[in-house]
Protein backbone atom coordinates (compact mmCIF):
# COMPACT_ATOMS: atom_id res chain seq x y z
CA UNK A 1 -12.26 -11.78 -0.30
CA UNK A 2 -14.78 -9.06 -0.04
CA UNK A 3 -13.53 -5.58 -0.74
CA UNK A 4 -14.11 -2.75 1.83
CA UNK A 5 -16.90 -0.23 1.24
CA UNK A 6 -14.24 2.48 1.08
CA UNK A 7 -12.52 0.74 -1.78
CA UNK A 8 -15.88 0.47 -3.74
CA UNK A 9 -16.56 4.20 -3.15
CA UNK A 10 -13.00 5.14 -4.46
CA UNK A 11 -13.41 3.07 -7.52
CA UNK A 12 -17.01 4.44 -8.16
CA UNK A 13 -15.61 7.98 -7.78
CA UNK A 14 -12.68 7.29 -10.03
CA UNK A 15 -14.69 6.04 -12.85
CA UNK A 16 -17.54 8.42 -12.59
CA UNK A 17 -15.09 11.16 -12.61
CA UNK A 18 -13.30 9.69 -15.79
CA UNK A 19 -16.94 9.59 -17.47
CA UNK A 20 -17.63 13.16 -16.43
CA UNK A 21 -14.15 14.33 -17.83
CA UNK A 22 -14.82 12.73 -21.13
CA UNK A 23 -18.14 14.25 -21.96
CA UNK A 24 -17.86 17.37 -24.00
CA UNK A 25 -20.49 19.59 -22.48
CA UNK A 26 -19.84 22.41 -24.90
CA UNK A 27 -17.68 22.69 -28.07
CA UNK A 28 -14.13 21.85 -27.10
CA UNK A 29 -12.13 24.98 -26.48
CA UNK A 30 -8.72 23.83 -25.44
CA UNK A 31 -5.48 23.86 -27.03
CA UNK A 32 -4.09 20.83 -29.03
CA UNK A 33 -1.37 20.72 -26.43
CA UNK A 34 -3.97 19.24 -24.01
CA UNK A 35 -4.57 16.41 -26.47
CA UNK A 36 -0.84 15.89 -26.50
CA UNK A 37 -1.04 15.47 -22.70
CA UNK A 38 -3.76 12.85 -23.26
CA UNK A 39 -1.69 11.02 -25.85
CA UNK A 40 1.15 11.02 -23.41
CA UNK A 41 -1.04 9.51 -20.75
CA UNK A 42 -1.89 6.78 -23.31
CA UNK A 43 1.74 6.13 -24.00
CA UNK A 44 2.53 5.95 -20.21
CA UNK A 45 -0.28 3.62 -19.73
CA UNK A 46 0.84 1.20 -22.49
CA UNK A 47 4.43 1.31 -21.33
CA UNK A 48 3.23 0.39 -17.82
CA UNK A 49 1.06 -2.56 -19.16
CA UNK A 50 4.27 -3.84 -21.04
CA UNK A 51 5.81 -4.15 -17.62
CA UNK A 52 2.95 -5.23 -15.33
CA UNK A 53 0.87 -7.77 -17.08
CA UNK A 54 -2.92 -7.76 -16.91
CA UNK A 55 -3.88 -10.13 -14.00
CA UNK A 56 -1.26 -8.87 -11.68
CA UNK A 57 -3.32 -5.75 -10.75
CA UNK A 58 -7.03 -4.72 -10.36
CA UNK A 59 -8.88 -1.46 -10.20
CA UNK A 60 -9.18 -1.93 -6.50
CA UNK A 61 -6.39 -0.82 -4.22
CA UNK A 62 -6.11 -4.04 -2.49
CA UNK A 63 -3.44 -6.34 -4.24
CA UNK A 64 -4.70 -9.60 -5.75
CA UNK A 65 -3.56 -12.66 -3.80
CA UNK A 66 -1.15 -13.69 -6.57
CA UNK A 67 0.25 -10.32 -7.23
CA UNK A 68 3.98 -9.84 -7.72
CA UNK A 69 5.77 -6.68 -6.92
CA UNK A 70 7.03 -4.78 -10.09
CA UNK A 71 9.92 -2.46 -10.06
CA UNK A 72 11.11 -2.32 -13.49
CA UNK A 73 10.07 -0.18 -16.65
CA UNK A 74 8.14 2.80 -15.47
CA UNK A 75 8.07 1.39 -11.80
CA UNK A 76 11.56 2.44 -11.57
CA UNK A 77 10.77 6.16 -11.95
CA UNK A 78 7.38 6.15 -9.85
CA UNK A 79 5.38 3.78 -7.65
CA UNK A 80 2.09 4.23 -9.46
CA UNK A 81 2.64 4.86 -13.24
CA UNK A 82 -0.86 3.77 -14.03
CA UNK A 83 -2.23 6.42 -11.98
CA UNK A 84 -0.06 8.83 -13.45
CA UNK A 85 -1.19 7.76 -16.94
CA UNK A 86 -4.88 8.10 -16.04
CA UNK A 87 -4.29 11.68 -14.58
CA UNK A 88 -2.31 12.72 -17.71
CA UNK A 89 -4.84 11.34 -20.06
CA UNK A 90 -7.77 12.75 -18.16
CA UNK A 91 -6.07 16.08 -17.65
CA UNK A 92 -5.48 16.49 -21.29
CA UNK A 93 -9.12 15.55 -22.23
CA UNK A 94 -10.89 17.60 -19.48
CA UNK A 95 -8.90 20.72 -20.19
CA UNK A 96 -9.26 20.27 -23.90
CA UNK A 97 -13.10 19.85 -23.47
CA UNK A 98 -12.88 23.16 -21.21
CA UNK A 99 -16.12 23.01 -19.37
CA UNK A 100 -16.50 23.54 -15.61
CA UNK A 101 -17.80 20.14 -15.20
CA UNK A 102 -14.81 18.60 -16.96
CA UNK A 103 -12.50 20.61 -14.75
CA UNK A 104 -14.27 19.54 -11.48
CA UNK A 105 -14.04 15.87 -12.64
CA UNK A 106 -10.32 16.23 -12.22
CA UNK A 107 -10.60 17.32 -8.63
CA UNK A 108 -12.76 14.33 -8.01
CA UNK A 109 -10.48 11.98 -9.84
CA UNK A 110 -7.52 13.17 -8.10
CA UNK A 111 -9.25 12.63 -4.68
CA UNK A 112 -10.02 9.03 -5.58
CA UNK A 113 -6.59 8.28 -7.00
CA UNK A 114 -4.83 9.72 -3.77
CA UNK A 115 -7.29 7.77 -1.66
CA UNK A 116 -6.41 4.61 -3.72
CA UNK A 117 -2.64 5.08 -3.54
CA UNK A 118 -2.89 5.50 0.29
CA UNK A 119 -4.84 2.29 0.63
CA UNK A 120 -2.83 0.46 -1.90
CA UNK A 121 0.56 1.44 -0.36
CA UNK A 122 -0.67 0.20 3.13
CA UNK A 123 -1.48 -3.20 1.73
CA UNK A 124 1.73 -3.46 -0.35
CA UNK A 125 3.81 -2.53 2.84
CA UNK A 126 2.16 -5.58 4.52
CA UNK A 127 2.43 -7.98 1.52
CA UNK A 128 6.02 -7.19 0.11
CA UNK A 129 9.01 -7.03 2.54
CA UNK A 130 11.01 -4.68 0.37
CA UNK A 131 8.20 -2.15 -0.45
CA UNK A 132 9.26 0.28 2.38
CA UNK A 133 12.73 0.49 0.80
CA UNK A 134 11.17 0.79 -2.78
CA UNK A 135 9.03 3.82 -1.50
CA UNK A 136 12.20 5.46 0.02
CA UNK A 137 13.92 5.32 -3.41
CA UNK A 138 11.05 6.09 -5.94
CA UNK A 139 8.71 8.95 -6.08
CA UNK A 140 4.98 8.14 -5.77
CA UNK A 141 3.46 9.69 -8.85
CA UNK A 142 5.52 12.30 -10.59
CA UNK A 143 9.22 11.45 -11.34
CA UNK A 144 11.60 13.57 -9.18
CA UNK A 145 8.92 15.48 -7.49
CA UNK A 146 6.10 13.49 -5.72
């Protein structure tokens, strides 16, 4: 099935933003605490992968035809733990790098991820009967907050 142009655009913005955030345009000037945030992002990502096997998800917001709804592990705390992992990692790296372009990458990355979450949740509501109830009992991205 062909992906909509809007999905291609969101994925392109996401990965371009990640690349922009990773490039040290000047000598890194941030605190090592930002690197700790990046490490936390990696840990959240690995924990998420342990509960949502590769092949059950894609970089595009549309669910794969054979996808299964996962509600265990990190998914019991937030609906999008992999997006949380990416944002934690990239916030840590971009803030550690400290350049304005790195900071701008966080804005565009957040825009892309929110757009992907909106599209993904619309599809998940269509494909999984219990997804609406799951949304009512689990935060979207940040445990206990959002």
